[in-house]
Amino acid sequence: MWEAVQLPRETDAPEETERLIQQFAEEKMQEYDGNVFFCISRRDQERRLTLRQAAQACRLSARDGRAMCTAFSAQKLAERPGRDVLFVDPAMQSYLGEYLDICPAGTRHVLIYCRRKGNGPSPRMSAFMDFWVERGVDIWDLNDQ
């Protein structure tokens, strides 16, 4: 499933938009029993902070996926207790494929995708989104909000 996110109300205030996105992310993290993945530009520090705060509110810790794949094999990461919340990017696709293959079947994972700051549509990003769809991971697309 790939769904576009519609915030409950329009706002011109950036801090209000971030608050609404944090609230949305918290709801999604509670709705899914599997891992949470954030595909956000590394340059979008404001959105990264918003999603880190959402994870903290759910008593989870959002980690840099690149650092995690350097520190742990896909097998070791999948064996860690609890749920993982990872910031991911297309360069990690092979590792993520291995990781998702090891995760228990029937678990519902979610990807929250933000197109801002150079993270928008491109052939590389389209292939990365296809990867998630093929693996049955639900995608919630924040567009460029």
Protein backbone atom coordinates (compact mmCIF):
# COMPACT_ATOMS: atom_id res chain seq x y z
CA MET A 1 0.00 0.00 0.00
CA TRP A 2 1.21 3.49 -0.85
CA GLU A 3 -0.83 6.33 0.60
CA ALA A 4 -0.39 10.09 0.36
CA VAL A 5 -0.68 11.78 3.74
CA GLN A 6 -3.27 14.50 4.08
CA LEU A 7 -2.75 16.57 7.20
CA PRO A 8 -5.98 17.22 9.12
CA ARG A 9 -5.83 20.94 8.34
CA GLU A 10 -3.91 23.38 6.20
CA THR A 11 -1.43 25.64 7.92
CA ASP A 12 1.15 28.20 6.90
CA ALA A 13 3.03 27.92 10.18
CA PRO A 14 6.02 25.54 9.80
CA GLU A 15 6.00 24.64 13.50
CA GLU A 16 2.31 23.65 13.26
CA THR A 17 3.05 21.49 10.22
CA GLU A 18 5.85 19.73 12.10
CA ARG A 19 3.57 19.18 15.10
CA LEU A 20 0.91 17.61 12.86
CA ILE A 21 3.50 15.39 11.16
CA GLN A 22 4.90 14.30 14.52
CA GLN A 23 1.40 13.40 15.66
CA PHE A 24 0.77 11.47 12.42
CA ALA A 25 4.07 9.56 12.76
CA GLU A 26 3.30 8.65 16.38
CA GLU A 27 -0.07 7.23 15.32
CA LYS A 28 1.52 5.15 12.56
CA MET A 29 4.26 3.83 14.85
CA GLN A 30 1.58 2.59 17.23
CA GLU A 31 -0.55 1.11 14.44
CA TYR A 32 2.20 -1.13 13.02
CA ASP A 33 3.79 -3.98 14.95
CA GLY A 34 6.96 -4.17 12.87
CA ASN A 35 9.85 -1.91 12.15
CA VAL A 36 9.54 1.74 11.20
CA PHE A 37 11.61 3.22 8.40
CA PHE A 38 12.01 6.92 7.61
CA CYS A 39 13.18 7.95 4.14
CA ILE A 40 14.10 11.60 4.69
CA SER A 41 16.84 13.68 3.08
CA ARG A 42 19.96 13.96 5.24
CA ARG A 43 19.74 17.72 4.63
CA ASP A 44 16.24 17.92 6.15
CA GLN A 45 17.30 18.30 9.76
CA GLU A 46 13.98 19.83 10.83
CA ARG A 47 11.99 16.80 9.62
CA ARG A 48 14.55 14.37 11.03
CA LEU A 49 14.15 16.02 14.43
CA THR A 50 10.36 15.84 14.16
CA LEU A 51 10.48 12.12 13.45
CA ARG A 52 13.04 11.47 16.19
CA GLN A 53 10.67 13.19 18.62
CA ALA A 54 7.79 11.05 17.36
CA ALA A 55 9.83 7.91 18.01
CA GLN A 56 10.76 9.11 21.51
CA ALA A 57 7.10 9.80 22.28
CA CYS A 58 6.44 6.12 21.42
CA ARG A 59 9.35 5.02 23.63
CA LEU A 60 11.42 4.08 20.60
CA SER A 61 14.76 5.34 19.38
CA ALA A 62 15.25 6.43 15.77
CA ARG A 63 18.70 5.51 14.52
CA ASP A 64 20.77 6.25 11.45
CA GLY A 65 20.35 3.17 9.27
CA ARG A 66 23.79 3.58 7.69
CA ALA A 67 25.45 3.45 11.09
CA MET A 68 23.39 0.42 12.07
CA CYS A 69 24.32 -1.52 8.93
CA THR A 70 27.97 -0.75 9.62
CA ALA A 71 27.68 -1.84 13.26
CA PHE A 72 25.51 -4.94 12.77
CA SER A 73 25.03 -7.62 10.16
CA ALA A 74 21.45 -7.84 8.90
CA GLN A 75 21.09 -11.05 10.92
CA LYS A 76 22.33 -9.43 14.16
CA LEU A 77 20.12 -6.38 13.67
CA ALA A 78 17.06 -8.56 13.07
CA GLU A 79 17.82 -10.56 16.22
CA ARG A 80 17.93 -7.49 18.44
CA PRO A 81 15.01 -7.35 20.86
CA GLY A 82 12.29 -4.78 20.29
CA ARG A 83 11.39 -2.79 17.22
CA ASP A 84 13.81 -0.90 15.04
CA VAL A 85 13.25 2.65 13.82
CA LEU A 86 15.74 3.49 11.09
CA PHE A 87 16.47 6.41 8.79
CA VAL A 88 17.13 4.75 5.43
CA ASP A 89 18.19 5.68 1.90
CA PRO A 90 18.52 3.90 -1.46
CA ALA A 91 22.19 3.04 -0.88
CA MET A 92 21.05 0.63 1.84
CA GLN A 93 18.65 -1.38 -0.35
CA SER A 94 20.68 -4.60 -0.45
CA TYR A 95 21.20 -4.60 3.32
CA LEU A 96 17.55 -3.77 3.95
CA GLY A 97 16.45 -6.61 1.67
CA GLU A 98 18.52 -9.05 3.66
CA TYR A 99 17.24 -7.59 6.92
CA LEU A 100 13.56 -7.75 5.92
CA ASP A 101 13.99 -11.35 4.71
CA ILE A 102 15.11 -12.31 8.21
CA CYS A 103 12.31 -10.49 10.05
CA PRO A 104 9.39 -12.70 11.14
CA ALA A 105 6.71 -13.29 8.50
CA GLY A 106 3.40 -11.56 9.07
CA THR A 107 4.93 -8.54 10.76
CA ARG A 108 3.64 -5.23 9.39
CA HIS A 109 6.42 -2.73 8.68
CA VAL A 110 5.95 0.91 7.66
CA LEU A 111 7.97 3.45 5.68
CA ILE A 112 7.34 7.17 6.13
CA TYR A 113 8.68 9.00 3.08
CA CYS A 114 9.31 12.74 2.74
CA ARG A 115 10.20 14.30 -0.62
CA ARG A 116 11.63 17.58 0.65
CA LYS A 117 15.19 18.85 0.12
CA GLY A 118 16.18 16.76 -2.88
CA ASN A 119 14.51 13.50 -1.81
CA GLY A 120 11.82 13.69 -4.49
CA PRO A 121 11.02 11.59 -7.53
CA SER A 122 13.93 10.23 -9.52
CA PRO A 123 14.69 6.89 -11.18
CA ARG A 124 16.75 5.88 -8.14
CA MET A 125 14.02 6.83 -5.67
CA SER A 126 11.33 5.14 -7.79
CA ALA A 127 13.31 1.90 -7.70
CA PHE A 128 13.71 2.27 -3.93
CA MET A 129 9.97 2.77 -3.46
CA ASP A 130 9.27 -0.25 -5.69
CA PHE A 131 11.54 -2.26 -3.40
CA TRP A 132 9.32 -1.45 -0.40
CA VAL A 133 6.09 -2.15 -2.27
CA GLU A 134 7.42 -5.54 -3.46
CA ARG A 135 8.24 -6.45 0.13
CA GLY A 136 4.77 -5.57 1.38
CA VAL A 137 5.92 -2.60 3.46
CA ASP A 138 3.26 0.11 3.70
CA ILE A 139 4.42 3.54 2.52
CA TRP A 140 3.02 6.79 3.90
CA ASP A 141 4.12 9.60 1.60
CA LEU A 142 4.36 13.05 3.20
CA ASN A 143 4.98 14.51 -0.28
CA ASP A 144 6.82 17.81 0.15
CA GLN A 145 4.91 18.94 3.24
